[in-house]
Protein backbone atom coordinates (compact mmCIF):
# COMPACT_ATOMS: atom_id res chain seq x y z
CA MET A 1 -8.96 58.10 -55.21
CA SER A 2 -8.03 58.36 -58.85
CA PHE A 3 -9.18 57.39 -62.35
CA VAL A 4 -7.75 54.68 -64.33
CA HIS A 5 -7.97 55.28 -68.11
CA ARG A 6 -9.27 51.93 -69.26
CA ARG A 7 -12.42 50.24 -70.02
CA ARG A 8 -13.65 46.97 -68.35
CA SER A 9 -16.32 44.68 -69.04
CA GLY A 10 -18.52 43.09 -66.43
CA LEU A 11 -19.60 44.57 -62.71
CA GLY A 12 -16.94 43.08 -60.70
CA LEU A 13 -14.19 44.45 -63.16
CA ALA A 14 -16.09 47.72 -63.54
CA LEU A 15 -16.20 48.26 -59.77
CA SER A 16 -12.49 47.08 -59.28
CA GLY A 17 -11.67 50.18 -61.38
CA LEU A 18 -13.26 52.55 -59.10
CA LEU A 19 -11.37 54.75 -57.01
CA ILE A 20 -11.97 57.40 -54.71
CA CYS A 21 -9.16 59.12 -53.21
CA ALA A 22 -6.45 60.68 -54.03
CA GLY A 23 -7.59 59.00 -54.25
CA CYS A 24 -10.89 59.97 -55.69
CA GLY A 25 -10.61 61.16 -59.08
CA PRO A 26 -12.68 62.78 -61.57
CA SER A 27 -15.63 61.02 -62.85
CA ASP A 28 -16.14 58.99 -65.80
CA LEU A 29 -17.41 61.75 -68.64
CA ALA A 30 -19.90 59.31 -70.29
CA SER A 31 -23.48 59.61 -69.77
CA PRO A 32 -24.87 58.28 -66.41
CA SER A 33 -25.39 54.88 -65.74
CA THR A 34 -28.79 53.50 -65.14
CA ALA A 35 -30.11 51.48 -62.13
CA GLY A 36 -28.63 47.95 -62.44
CA SER A 37 -26.15 48.90 -65.06
CA PRO A 38 -22.57 48.89 -63.77
CA SER A 39 -20.88 49.90 -67.09
CA ASN A 40 -20.04 53.08 -65.56
CA ALA A 41 -18.98 51.81 -62.11
CA GLY A 42 -15.74 53.39 -61.37
CA SER A 43 -14.27 56.22 -59.22
CA PRO A 44 -13.34 58.54 -57.92
CA SER A 45 -16.00 58.61 -59.85
CA ASN A 46 -16.07 55.92 -62.64
CA ALA A 47 -14.01 53.53 -64.56
CA GLY A 48 -13.13 54.83 -68.00
CA SER A 49 -11.83 58.19 -66.65
CA PRO A 50 -8.09 59.04 -66.09
CA ALA A 51 -6.96 58.37 -62.59
CA ILE A 52 -6.73 60.71 -59.94
CA ALA A 53 -5.20 60.10 -57.44
CA GLY A 54 -11.39 52.98 -40.83
CA PRO A 55 -16.82 40.43 -25.00
CA GLU A 56 -13.11 39.57 -25.60
CA ALA A 57 -9.92 40.03 -23.10
CA GLY A 58 -7.61 43.02 -23.19
CA LEU A 59 -10.45 45.55 -24.24
CA PRO A 60 -9.87 49.17 -23.78
CA THR A 61 -12.08 51.22 -21.71
CA THR A 62 -14.86 53.25 -23.45
CA THR A 63 -14.81 56.55 -21.52
CA ALA A 64 -15.32 59.22 -23.89
CA PRO A 65 -12.35 61.08 -25.02
CA THR A 66 -11.77 64.30 -23.36
CA THR A 67 -8.57 65.25 -25.30
CA ALA A 68 -8.83 68.42 -27.52
CA GLN A 69 -8.97 68.41 -31.52
CA GLY A 70 -7.89 71.91 -31.91
CA ALA A 71 -4.05 71.77 -31.49
CA ASN A 72 -1.90 73.39 -33.89
CA PRO A 73 0.03 70.98 -35.89
CA THR A 74 3.31 73.01 -35.21
CA ALA A 75 2.63 72.38 -31.33
CA SER A 76 4.12 69.79 -29.27
CA PRO A 77 1.85 66.77 -28.39
CA SER A 78 1.83 67.96 -24.43
CA ASP A 79 0.49 71.48 -25.39
CA ALA A 80 -2.96 72.19 -24.25
CA ALA A 81 -5.98 72.61 -26.43
CA ARG A 82 -9.55 73.17 -26.02
CA PRO A 83 -11.47 70.23 -24.87
CA ILE A 84 -14.10 68.64 -27.17
CA PRO A 85 -17.43 67.87 -25.71
CA ALA A 86 -17.73 64.51 -24.32
CA ILE A 87 -20.26 62.02 -25.63
CA SER A 88 -23.26 61.69 -23.36
CA THR A 89 -23.55 59.11 -20.59
CA ALA A 90 -26.48 57.89 -22.56
CA ALA A 91 -24.78 57.68 -25.83
CA GLU A 92 -21.78 55.90 -24.50
CA THR A 93 -23.66 53.41 -22.87
CA CYS A 94 -25.86 52.52 -26.21
CA VAL A 95 -22.28 52.49 -27.96
CA GLN A 96 -20.99 49.99 -25.27
CA GLN A 97 -24.27 47.97 -25.21
CA ALA A 98 -24.02 47.49 -29.38
CA PHE A 99 -20.27 46.77 -28.79
CA ASP A 100 -21.07 44.29 -26.39
CA GLU A 101 -23.60 42.66 -28.25
CA LEU A 102 -21.57 42.09 -31.45
CA THR A 103 -19.75 39.16 -32.32
CA ALA A 104 -15.96 39.10 -33.36
CA ALA A 105 -17.14 38.71 -36.99
CA GLN A 106 -19.52 41.57 -36.63
CA ARG A 107 -16.94 43.82 -35.07
CA ALA A 108 -14.77 43.18 -37.91
CA GLY A 109 -17.45 44.14 -40.43
CA GLN A 110 -17.92 47.55 -38.64
CA LEU A 111 -14.34 48.08 -39.94
CA VAL A 112 -14.74 47.39 -43.62
CA MET A 113 -16.45 49.68 -46.39
CA THR A 114 -17.13 47.74 -49.66
CA GLY A 115 -17.87 49.46 -53.01
CA VAL A 116 -21.26 48.90 -54.59
CA PRO A 117 -22.38 50.17 -57.92
CA ALA A 118 -24.17 53.51 -57.44
CA GLY A 119 -26.93 52.63 -59.76
CA ASN A 120 -27.56 49.18 -58.22
CA PRO A 121 -26.24 49.31 -54.41
CA ALA A 122 -28.45 46.19 -53.76
CA LEU A 123 -26.68 43.94 -56.23
CA TYR A 124 -24.08 43.03 -53.25
CA ARG A 125 -26.80 42.70 -50.64
CA THR A 126 -25.73 39.07 -49.90
CA LEU A 127 -22.05 40.02 -49.50
CA VAL A 128 -22.86 43.04 -46.95
CA LYS A 129 -25.48 40.67 -45.02
CA ASN A 130 -22.92 37.41 -45.02
CA LYS A 131 -19.96 39.46 -44.07
CA HIS A 132 -21.81 42.00 -41.49
CA LEU A 133 -20.39 44.94 -43.45
CA GLY A 134 -20.82 48.35 -41.73
CA SER A 135 -20.19 50.61 -44.53
CA VAL A 136 -20.67 50.73 -48.31
CA PHE A 137 -19.49 53.16 -50.96
CA LEU A 138 -21.49 54.00 -53.96
CA ALA A 139 -18.94 53.50 -56.70
CA GLY A 140 -19.20 54.84 -60.33
CA ARG A 141 -21.80 57.21 -61.36
CA THR A 142 -25.56 57.35 -61.93
CA GLY A 143 -28.42 59.84 -62.93
CA ASP A 144 -30.65 58.13 -60.87
CA SER A 145 -33.14 60.32 -58.63
CA PRO A 146 -32.30 60.62 -54.85
CA SER A 147 -35.68 58.34 -54.24
CA THR A 148 -34.28 55.61 -56.63
CA ILE A 149 -30.91 55.56 -55.02
CA LYS A 150 -32.72 55.68 -51.36
CA LYS A 151 -34.78 52.63 -52.36
CA GLY A 152 -31.84 50.82 -53.62
CA VAL A 153 -29.65 51.44 -50.52
CA ALA A 154 -32.47 50.44 -48.31
CA LYS A 155 -32.37 47.09 -49.67
CA LEU A 156 -29.03 46.58 -47.85
CA ALA A 157 -28.82 44.72 -44.59
CA VAL A 158 -28.96 46.60 -41.49
CA GLN A 159 -27.17 45.01 -38.69
CA LYS A 160 -29.29 43.90 -35.58
CA THR A 161 -28.39 42.56 -32.08
CA PRO A 162 -30.57 41.71 -29.49
CA THR A 163 -31.27 45.15 -28.48
CA THR A 164 -29.52 47.71 -30.72
CA THR A 165 -30.11 48.53 -34.54
CA ILE A 166 -27.08 49.66 -36.50
CA LYS A 167 -27.41 51.12 -39.88
CA LEU A 168 -25.06 51.33 -42.87
CA LEU A 169 -22.59 54.18 -43.31
CA VAL A 170 -23.36 54.95 -46.95
CA ALA A 171 -20.85 56.94 -48.46
CA VAL A 172 -20.20 58.70 -52.12
CA ASP A 173 -18.00 60.91 -53.72
CA GLN A 174 -19.46 64.13 -54.38
CA GLU A 175 -16.89 66.81 -54.11
CA GLY A 176 -17.72 68.39 -57.46
CA GLY A 177 -15.92 69.21 -60.86
CA LYS A 178 -14.89 65.78 -62.21
CA VAL A 179 -15.47 64.19 -58.91
CA GLN A 180 -19.16 63.95 -58.59
CA SER A 181 -20.71 60.57 -58.91
CA LEU A 182 -24.46 61.35 -58.82
CA ARG A 183 -24.96 63.93 -61.69
CA GLY A 184 -27.47 64.41 -64.48
CA GLY A 185 -31.24 63.95 -64.07
CA VAL A 186 -32.11 66.17 -60.90
CA TRP A 187 -28.90 66.40 -59.57
CA THR A 188 -27.41 69.95 -59.39
CA THR A 189 -24.02 70.13 -61.08
CA ILE A 190 -21.13 70.89 -58.48
CA PRO A 191 -18.42 73.17 -59.68
CA SER A 192 -14.72 71.86 -58.86
CA ALA A 193 -13.06 72.95 -55.45
CA LYS A 194 -11.07 75.16 -57.22
CA THR A 195 -14.25 77.56 -58.32
CA GLN A 196 -15.79 77.08 -54.98
CA GLY A 197 -12.60 78.50 -53.49
CA THR A 198 -13.27 81.62 -55.75
CA TRP A 199 -16.71 82.12 -54.05
CA THR A 200 -17.81 84.10 -50.60
CA THR A 201 -18.21 82.15 -47.36
CA SER A 202 -21.95 82.90 -47.67
CA LYS A 203 -22.27 81.59 -51.27
CA LEU A 204 -20.27 78.43 -50.41
CA THR A 205 -22.58 77.91 -47.48
CA THR A 206 -25.55 78.44 -49.34
CA ARG A 207 -24.67 75.94 -52.17
CA THR A 208 -23.13 73.45 -50.27
CA LYS A 209 -26.57 73.26 -47.97
CA ALA A 210 -28.40 72.49 -51.41
CA TRP A 211 -26.14 69.47 -52.44
CA VAL A 212 -26.33 68.12 -49.01
CA LYS A 213 -29.97 68.20 -48.96
CA GLN A 214 -30.08 66.23 -52.01
CA LEU A 215 -27.35 63.77 -50.42
CA ASN A 216 -29.88 63.23 -47.50
CA GLN A 217 -33.05 62.67 -49.88
CA ALA A 218 -30.96 59.78 -51.29
CA GLY A 219 -30.27 58.11 -48.03
CA ILE A 220 -26.57 59.10 -48.16
CA THR A 221 -24.86 59.68 -44.70
CA MET A 222 -21.38 60.25 -45.60
CA ASP A 223 -19.60 62.21 -48.07
CA LEU A 224 -15.82 61.57 -49.18
CA ALA A 225 -15.24 65.35 -49.07
CA PRO A 226 -13.81 68.08 -48.49
CA VAL A 227 -10.35 67.73 -49.97
CA ALA A 228 -7.83 69.72 -47.66
CA ASP A 229 -5.09 69.14 -50.03
CA THR A 230 -3.02 72.36 -50.86
CA VAL A 231 -1.25 72.55 -53.94
CA PRO A 232 1.21 75.37 -54.49
CA ALA A 233 0.45 78.09 -57.19
CA GLY A 234 2.37 76.89 -60.54
CA THR A 235 2.74 73.24 -59.87
CA GLU A 236 -0.85 72.28 -60.41
CA LYS A 237 -0.27 70.57 -63.71
CA LYS A 238 2.49 68.36 -62.05
CA ASN A 239 0.12 67.10 -59.48
CA PRO A 240 -1.91 64.39 -60.92
CA PRO A 241 -4.35 63.44 -58.15
CA ILE A 242 -5.28 67.06 -57.31
CA GLY A 243 -4.09 69.78 -59.19
CA VAL A 244 -4.74 68.23 -62.63
CA PHE A 245 -8.43 67.86 -61.81
CA ASP A 246 -8.83 71.31 -59.94
CA ARG A 247 -9.76 69.65 -56.75
CA GLN A 248 -8.03 72.11 -54.43
CA TYR A 249 -9.73 75.03 -52.76
CA GLY A 250 -6.83 77.19 -53.27
CA ASN A 251 -2.94 77.41 -53.48
CA THR A 252 -2.21 78.62 -49.65
CA SER A 253 -3.07 76.75 -46.46
CA PRO A 254 -5.22 79.71 -45.02
CA LYS A 255 -7.33 79.75 -48.12
CA VAL A 256 -8.01 76.07 -48.34
CA SER A 257 -8.68 76.09 -44.28
CA ARG A 258 -11.31 78.76 -44.79
CA ASN A 259 -12.95 76.53 -47.34
CA VAL A 260 -12.69 73.40 -45.67
CA THR A 261 -14.01 74.82 -42.59
CA THR A 262 -17.29 75.91 -44.29
CA VAL A 263 -17.82 72.54 -46.38
CA THR A 264 -17.15 70.64 -43.06
CA SER A 265 -19.44 72.65 -40.66
CA THR A 266 -22.34 73.16 -43.49
CA MET A 267 -22.07 69.40 -44.18
CA LEU A 268 -22.56 68.55 -40.30
CA ALA A 269 -25.44 70.76 -39.97
CA GLY A 270 -27.13 69.16 -42.76
CA LYS A 271 -26.81 65.69 -41.39
CA VAL A 272 -24.09 64.37 -43.64
CA ILE A 273 -20.89 63.14 -42.34
CA PRO A 274 -17.81 64.89 -43.94
CA THR A 275 -14.75 63.18 -44.57
CA VAL A 276 -11.38 65.28 -44.55
CA LYS A 277 -8.92 64.06 -47.02
CA HIS A 278 -6.14 63.09 -48.03
CA PHE A 279 -4.04 63.23 -44.62
CA PRO A 280 -1.12 64.53 -44.56
CA GLY A 281 -1.72 65.90 -47.95
CA LEU A 282 -1.34 64.85 -51.58
CA GLY A 283 -0.86 68.39 -53.09
CA ARG A 284 3.00 68.04 -53.69
CA VAL A 285 3.18 64.50 -54.98
CA ARG A 286 3.92 63.84 -58.65
CA PHE A 287 2.27 60.67 -59.23
CA ASN A 288 -1.19 59.10 -58.34
CA THR A 289 -1.45 56.45 -55.45
CA ASP A 290 -4.00 54.73 -57.47
CA THR A 291 -1.87 54.08 -60.60
CA SER A 292 1.70 54.34 -58.99
CA THR A 293 3.97 53.21 -56.53
CA LYS A 294 6.06 56.72 -56.77
CA ALA A 295 3.77 58.85 -54.99
CA VAL A 296 6.16 60.48 -52.45
CA ASP A 297 5.91 63.89 -50.65
CA LYS A 298 9.66 64.75 -49.86
CA THR A 299 8.79 68.02 -48.09
CA THR A 300 5.92 67.58 -45.58
CA THR A 301 6.88 67.20 -41.80
CA VAL A 302 4.80 67.16 -38.70
CA THR A 303 5.08 70.97 -38.56
CA SER A 304 4.36 71.64 -42.06
CA ALA A 305 1.81 74.43 -42.78
CA TYR A 306 0.03 72.34 -45.17
CA LEU A 307 -1.28 70.45 -42.30
CA LYS A 308 -3.47 73.28 -41.10
CA PRO A 309 -6.40 72.60 -43.62
CA PHE A 310 -6.65 69.36 -42.09
CA GLN A 311 -6.52 70.80 -38.71
CA ALA A 312 -9.38 73.35 -39.88
CA GLY A 313 -11.62 70.47 -41.07
CA ILE A 314 -11.03 68.45 -37.32
CA ASP A 315 -11.83 71.73 -35.44
CA ALA A 316 -15.13 72.05 -37.68
CA GLY A 317 -15.98 68.61 -36.41
CA ALA A 318 -15.03 66.20 -39.36
CA GLY A 319 -16.85 62.64 -39.06
CA ALA A 320 -13.75 61.12 -40.66
CA VAL A 321 -10.30 61.82 -42.01
CA MET A 322 -9.02 59.81 -44.92
CA ILE A 323 -5.26 58.81 -44.87
CA SER A 324 -3.22 58.83 -48.29
CA SER A 325 -1.27 55.91 -49.64
CA ALA A 326 1.51 58.18 -50.47
CA SER A 327 4.96 58.06 -48.83
CA TYR A 328 6.26 61.01 -46.53
CA PRO A 329 10.01 60.28 -45.47
CA LYS A 330 10.13 62.99 -43.35
CA ILE A 331 7.66 61.72 -41.32
CA ASP A 332 8.11 58.23 -41.59
CA LYS A 333 10.91 56.58 -43.69
CA GLU A 334 9.90 53.09 -43.88
CA HIS A 335 6.07 53.05 -44.35
CA LEU A 336 3.37 54.58 -46.67
CA ALA A 337 0.92 56.80 -44.59
CA VAL A 338 -1.72 54.31 -44.43
CA PHE A 339 0.39 51.71 -42.65
CA SER A 340 2.28 54.32 -40.76
CA ALA A 341 1.73 54.59 -36.72
CA ALA A 342 4.06 57.61 -36.95
CA VAL A 343 1.63 59.42 -39.42
CA ILE A 344 -1.92 57.98 -37.92
CA THR A 345 -1.23 57.61 -34.22
CA ASP A 346 1.80 60.00 -33.41
CA LEU A 347 0.64 62.85 -35.90
CA LEU A 348 -3.21 62.96 -36.14
CA ARG A 349 -4.32 61.28 -32.85
CA GLU A 350 -1.65 62.53 -30.80
CA ARG A 351 -0.20 65.77 -31.83
CA MET A 352 -3.20 66.98 -33.72
CA LYS A 353 -5.67 65.52 -31.00
CA TYR A 354 -8.02 63.91 -33.36
CA GLN A 355 -10.04 61.35 -31.70
CA GLY A 356 -12.55 60.26 -34.49
CA VAL A 357 -12.71 57.72 -37.45
CA VAL A 358 -9.74 57.24 -39.46
CA MET A 359 -10.16 55.63 -43.00
CA THR A 360 -8.19 54.71 -45.46
CA ASP A 361 -8.30 55.91 -49.28
CA ASP A 362 -9.21 52.89 -51.49
CA ILE A 363 -6.64 50.08 -50.84
CA GLY A 364 -8.52 47.64 -52.70
CA ARG A 365 -7.34 48.33 -56.41
CA ALA A 366 -4.69 51.20 -55.67
CA VAL A 367 -1.33 50.42 -57.15
CA ALA A 368 0.47 51.95 -54.32
CA VAL A 369 -0.41 49.20 -52.10
CA LYS A 370 -0.40 46.34 -54.84
CA SER A 371 2.75 44.61 -52.88
CA VAL A 372 0.93 43.92 -49.50
CA PRO A 373 -1.45 41.02 -49.44
CA LYS A 374 -5.20 42.14 -49.34
CA GLY A 375 -5.85 40.75 -45.70
CA GLN A 376 -2.78 42.72 -44.47
CA ARG A 377 -3.57 45.82 -46.10
CA ALA A 378 -6.74 45.66 -43.46
CA THR A 379 -4.61 44.61 -40.50
CA ARG A 380 -1.43 46.60 -41.11
CA PHE A 381 -3.68 49.81 -41.22
CA ILE A 382 -5.79 48.95 -38.05
CA ASP A 383 -2.30 47.94 -36.43
CA ALA A 384 -1.09 51.68 -37.26
CA GLY A 385 -4.14 53.22 -35.48
CA GLY A 386 -6.64 53.26 -38.38
CA ASP A 387 -10.30 52.18 -37.73
CA LEU A 388 -12.26 52.00 -41.38
CA VAL A 389 -10.90 50.19 -44.36
CA LEU A 390 -12.48 51.08 -47.82
CA THR A 391 -12.00 48.57 -50.96
CA VAL A 392 -13.72 49.38 -54.23
CA VAL A 393 -13.40 45.83 -55.08
CA PRO A 394 -16.01 44.24 -53.33
CA GLU A 395 -14.55 40.60 -53.25
CA ASN A 396 -11.63 42.09 -51.30
CA ALA A 397 -14.20 42.74 -48.36
CA THR A 398 -14.50 39.08 -47.58
CA VAL A 399 -10.68 38.50 -47.44
CA MET A 400 -10.09 41.66 -45.34
CA VAL A 401 -13.07 40.80 -42.58
CA ASP A 402 -11.69 37.36 -42.33
CA ALA A 403 -8.07 38.83 -41.69
CA ILE A 404 -9.06 40.99 -39.20
CA VAL A 405 -11.07 38.29 -37.39
CA ALA A 406 -8.10 36.05 -37.48
CA LYS A 407 -5.34 38.35 -36.32
CA ALA A 408 -7.84 39.47 -33.30
CA GLU A 409 -8.19 35.81 -32.35
CA SER A 410 -4.48 35.03 -32.03
CA ASN A 411 -3.25 38.52 -30.97
CA THR A 412 -4.43 40.52 -27.76
CA GLY A 413 -2.63 43.65 -28.75
CA PHE A 414 -4.45 43.63 -31.92
CA ARG A 415 -7.79 42.54 -30.51
CA ALA A 416 -7.77 45.49 -28.26
CA LYS A 417 -7.15 47.89 -31.25
CA VAL A 418 -9.88 46.35 -33.23
CA ALA A 419 -12.09 46.86 -29.95
CA ALA A 420 -11.01 50.60 -29.98
CA SER A 421 -11.74 51.06 -33.72
CA THR A 422 -15.22 49.48 -33.59
CA LEU A 423 -15.94 51.74 -30.75
CA ARG A 424 -14.78 54.78 -32.62
CA VAL A 425 -17.14 53.74 -35.38
CA LEU A 426 -19.96 52.97 -33.41
CA ARG A 427 -19.61 56.40 -31.70
CA LEU A 428 -19.69 58.03 -35.25
CA LYS A 429 -22.82 56.17 -36.25
CA GLN A 430 -24.50 56.95 -32.88
CA LYS A 431 -23.81 60.62 -33.18
CA SER A 432 -25.16 60.51 -36.79
CA GLY A 433 -28.30 58.85 -35.85
CA LEU A 434 -27.33 55.40 -37.19
CA LEU A 435 -27.23 53.54 -34.05
CA THR A 436 -30.31 53.06 -31.73
CA CYS A 437 -30.71 51.12 -28.57
CA THR A 438 -33.65 49.80 -26.81
């Protein structure tokens, strides 16, 4: 997300100013907020900072995917690539069991992630419970200790079915530099990706392990990082979402790829889900999707070298890939990436062989999508092949869940897509220890 340079009063307004995307942007530079104080809730990390820019008929089978995730983006969709390990029979049985026991509203809830204040996540406990939300994003900034945050997160509802327990994905923006939502107090200060990119692989691995350990201690299961965007040398100051804030690991795709691989694999080893972003890249746009409708990448194609860092993250085991809300006319002339089947299904899933969870950048407040009704932002994303919808505006979660349910009831094709998305989210949770079956 990006940062929006303006002050807002009230928790709802503070949260609505949050961003994580291009999406996430530098955190508010004010002092950390305390528990229960939403004054600094914003994103990429906080408000007040400059903006920086996933038992019904027609359901698909749940056989584990066997296609590869290692395809070169320059290869054709039919080119062979190494197979990925299939989910075990027992694990897939558990996933199917949970899916079968969820109601239509509960399935829709698994596909929406809402922002909650990092310093007081339980504030939206009722919303999470009533709309069956399967994910939350800790928005804003806080210096609360990991144990305090963990206690707050524990107050949020856990989804129960007759024979399964489905815990929340708890996400945060903890890239480093200006995009570090948890800072101050005992939290280690994380340098920017640009600085991290100058380190040896050994040093980056060691430091990432330490940061991931703190996230584990706080009960956080998902980091909206690493950034796989490449900003060409000499253009940093003209690239508001990434380059201006030093969020890139380097200026060439090989260098970015190496660092994305290291961070992704290290997060996985530490049991935190890595989210590679912002596909298919924000390193060449001149506007921020959080604050403008003019973010257009006129150069990226389906064979672009700038896709390689995303492929590297996928190959390293990315738990999720975040889609940008910019426009890529050489891939899809009519739709923003977040609503584009050409980007999500044709390029990411088929050409690059990614079978995991695809999520949006923030589409609750982002100006790039302001002309699209809130409910349609969710349904159009899922229709294009996406899974997990992120809104930093909590009030939007109700509209989005209801829209998903309504369209699934009236459209069998969309209902099948909701089923496929729900299964992908449940597989990610099962693999991460967040879904258990009796």
